[in-house]
Every structure is written in structure tokens, then in C-alpha cells.
Amino acid sequence: YEPDFNAWAANGGLDLSAKPCDYMTGIAKNTASTFSLSVLVTIEMFNALNAISEDGSLLQVPPWVNPWLLLAMVISFGLHFVIMYVPVLATVFSI
């Protein structure tokens, strides 16, 4: 199977017919890095919520039993948004 880059570009995709490996440079790389970091941060926050109780799940133990964890999650998401939207920090973190 060989992908048809011309058909893909004609339907609004990135034109990779000349240099297919260019997808992982420039804006496409930044988009993939940003998405990966965002998914990782979100999964880790849900993992922290999952660690509230040793015996019960989130369906049994509500998350507000540990307000400090909720505050830490809000701060973590806030810092993540700062990293994403402040150009200097986005450059430092390569996203």
C-alpha cells in the first residue's frame, strides 16, 4: 500500500507529496507535542483522583473528600495552560 498524498491534500490535508517526512517538523510537530502533553496531564490528574482511596473507586468515594488534591489539580491544569499559551514557555517546553 502506498498512500495517495495528492488526494489527501486535495481534501484539505497537508500536502506531503514532495517530502512526506516533513510532517514531523514545523507546526505539525508542535500540534502533536501539545496534544500528547495535554493527554498526559489529564490522565495523570485522573490517576491522582483514583488514588483517593485504597479500597473504593471514584464512584464510591467522592473527589471532594480531599480538597487539597482538587486544589493541586486546579493549579496543575492552570500551569499547563500557562505553558501552552505563553510563547516563551511553549518554546522552552517545545510545544
Protein backbone atom coordinates (compact mmCIF):
# COMPACT_ATOMS: atom_id res chain seq x y z
CA TYR A 1 0.00 0.00 0.00
CA GLU A 2 1.28 3.43 -0.92
CA PRO A 3 -0.65 6.44 0.39
CA ASP A 4 -2.07 8.91 -2.13
CA PHE A 5 -0.79 12.23 -0.78
CA ASN A 6 -2.31 14.19 -3.66
CA ALA A 7 -5.84 13.02 -2.85
CA TRP A 8 -5.25 13.72 0.82
CA ALA A 9 -4.03 17.28 0.07
CA ALA A 10 -6.98 17.87 -2.28
CA ASN A 11 -9.38 17.09 0.60
CA GLY A 12 -7.83 19.67 2.92
CA GLY A 13 -4.94 17.62 4.28
CA LEU A 14 -1.31 18.61 4.42
CA ASP A 15 0.44 18.26 1.05
CA LEU A 16 3.19 15.71 1.67
CA SER A 17 3.72 14.55 -1.90
CA ALA A 18 7.17 16.11 -2.22
CA LYS A 19 8.59 15.40 1.26
CA PRO A 20 6.47 13.01 3.33
CA CYS A 21 8.81 13.19 6.33
CA ASP A 22 8.17 16.93 6.69
CA TYR A 23 5.05 16.14 8.69
CA MET A 24 7.09 15.78 11.87
CA THR A 25 8.68 19.20 11.52
CA GLY A 26 7.19 22.63 11.94
CA ILE A 27 3.60 23.19 13.03
CA ALA A 28 2.55 19.53 12.77
CA LYS A 29 5.21 18.53 15.30
CA ASN A 30 4.12 21.28 17.68
CA THR A 31 0.49 20.20 17.41
CA ALA A 32 1.37 16.57 18.14
CA SER A 33 3.57 17.55 21.09
CA THR A 34 0.91 19.82 22.56
CA PHE A 35 -1.78 17.16 22.23
CA SER A 36 0.47 14.50 23.76
CA LEU A 37 1.35 16.68 26.73
CA SER A 38 -2.30 17.62 27.30
CA VAL A 39 -3.41 14.00 27.26
CA LEU A 40 -0.62 13.04 29.65
CA VAL A 41 -1.50 15.82 32.12
CA THR A 42 -5.19 14.89 32.04
CA ILE A 43 -4.55 11.17 32.53
CA GLU A 44 -2.24 11.86 35.46
CA MET A 45 -4.86 14.07 37.12
CA PHE A 46 -7.46 11.29 36.82
CA ASN A 47 -4.88 8.87 38.17
CA ALA A 48 -4.41 11.12 41.20
CA LEU A 49 -8.18 11.12 41.73
CA ASN A 50 -8.13 7.35 41.54
CA ALA A 51 -5.65 7.26 44.43
CA ILE A 52 -8.01 8.99 46.89
CA SER A 53 -8.99 5.70 48.44
CA GLU A 54 -7.23 2.35 48.65
CA ASP A 55 -10.47 0.39 48.88
CA GLY A 56 -13.07 2.39 46.97
CA SER A 57 -13.32 3.73 43.47
CA LEU A 58 -14.29 7.24 42.41
CA LEU A 59 -17.86 6.00 42.15
CA GLN A 60 -17.84 5.15 45.87
CA VAL A 61 -15.63 7.92 47.31
CA PRO A 62 -16.37 11.43 46.01
CA PRO A 63 -13.40 13.56 44.95
CA TRP A 64 -14.26 16.44 47.30
CA VAL A 65 -13.21 14.39 50.35
CA ASN A 66 -9.70 15.67 49.63
CA PRO A 67 -9.95 19.39 48.81
CA TRP A 68 -6.16 19.74 48.75
CA LEU A 69 -5.94 17.28 45.89
CA LEU A 70 -8.61 19.20 43.98
CA LEU A 71 -6.68 22.44 44.57
CA ALA A 72 -3.47 20.79 43.36
CA MET A 73 -5.29 19.60 40.24
CA VAL A 74 -6.62 23.09 39.50
CA ILE A 75 -3.12 24.52 39.93
CA SER A 76 -1.65 21.80 37.69
CA PHE A 77 -4.16 22.43 34.92
CA GLY A 78 -3.60 26.19 35.32
CA LEU A 79 0.16 25.78 34.95
CA HIS A 80 -0.40 23.55 31.95
CA PHE A 81 -2.49 26.25 30.27
CA VAL A 82 0.17 28.85 31.09
CA ILE A 83 2.80 26.65 29.45
CA MET A 84 0.60 26.22 26.38
CA TYR A 85 -0.34 29.87 25.89
CA VAL A 86 2.77 31.83 26.99
CA PRO A 87 5.04 31.76 23.93
CA VAL A 88 8.31 31.79 25.87
CA LEU A 89 7.27 28.80 27.99
CA ALA A 90 5.84 26.98 24.97
CA THR A 91 9.25 27.32 23.33
CA VAL A 92 11.05 26.09 26.44
CA PHE A 93 8.78 23.02 26.66
CA SER A 94 8.81 22.52 22.85
CA ILE A 95 5.06 22.53 22.43
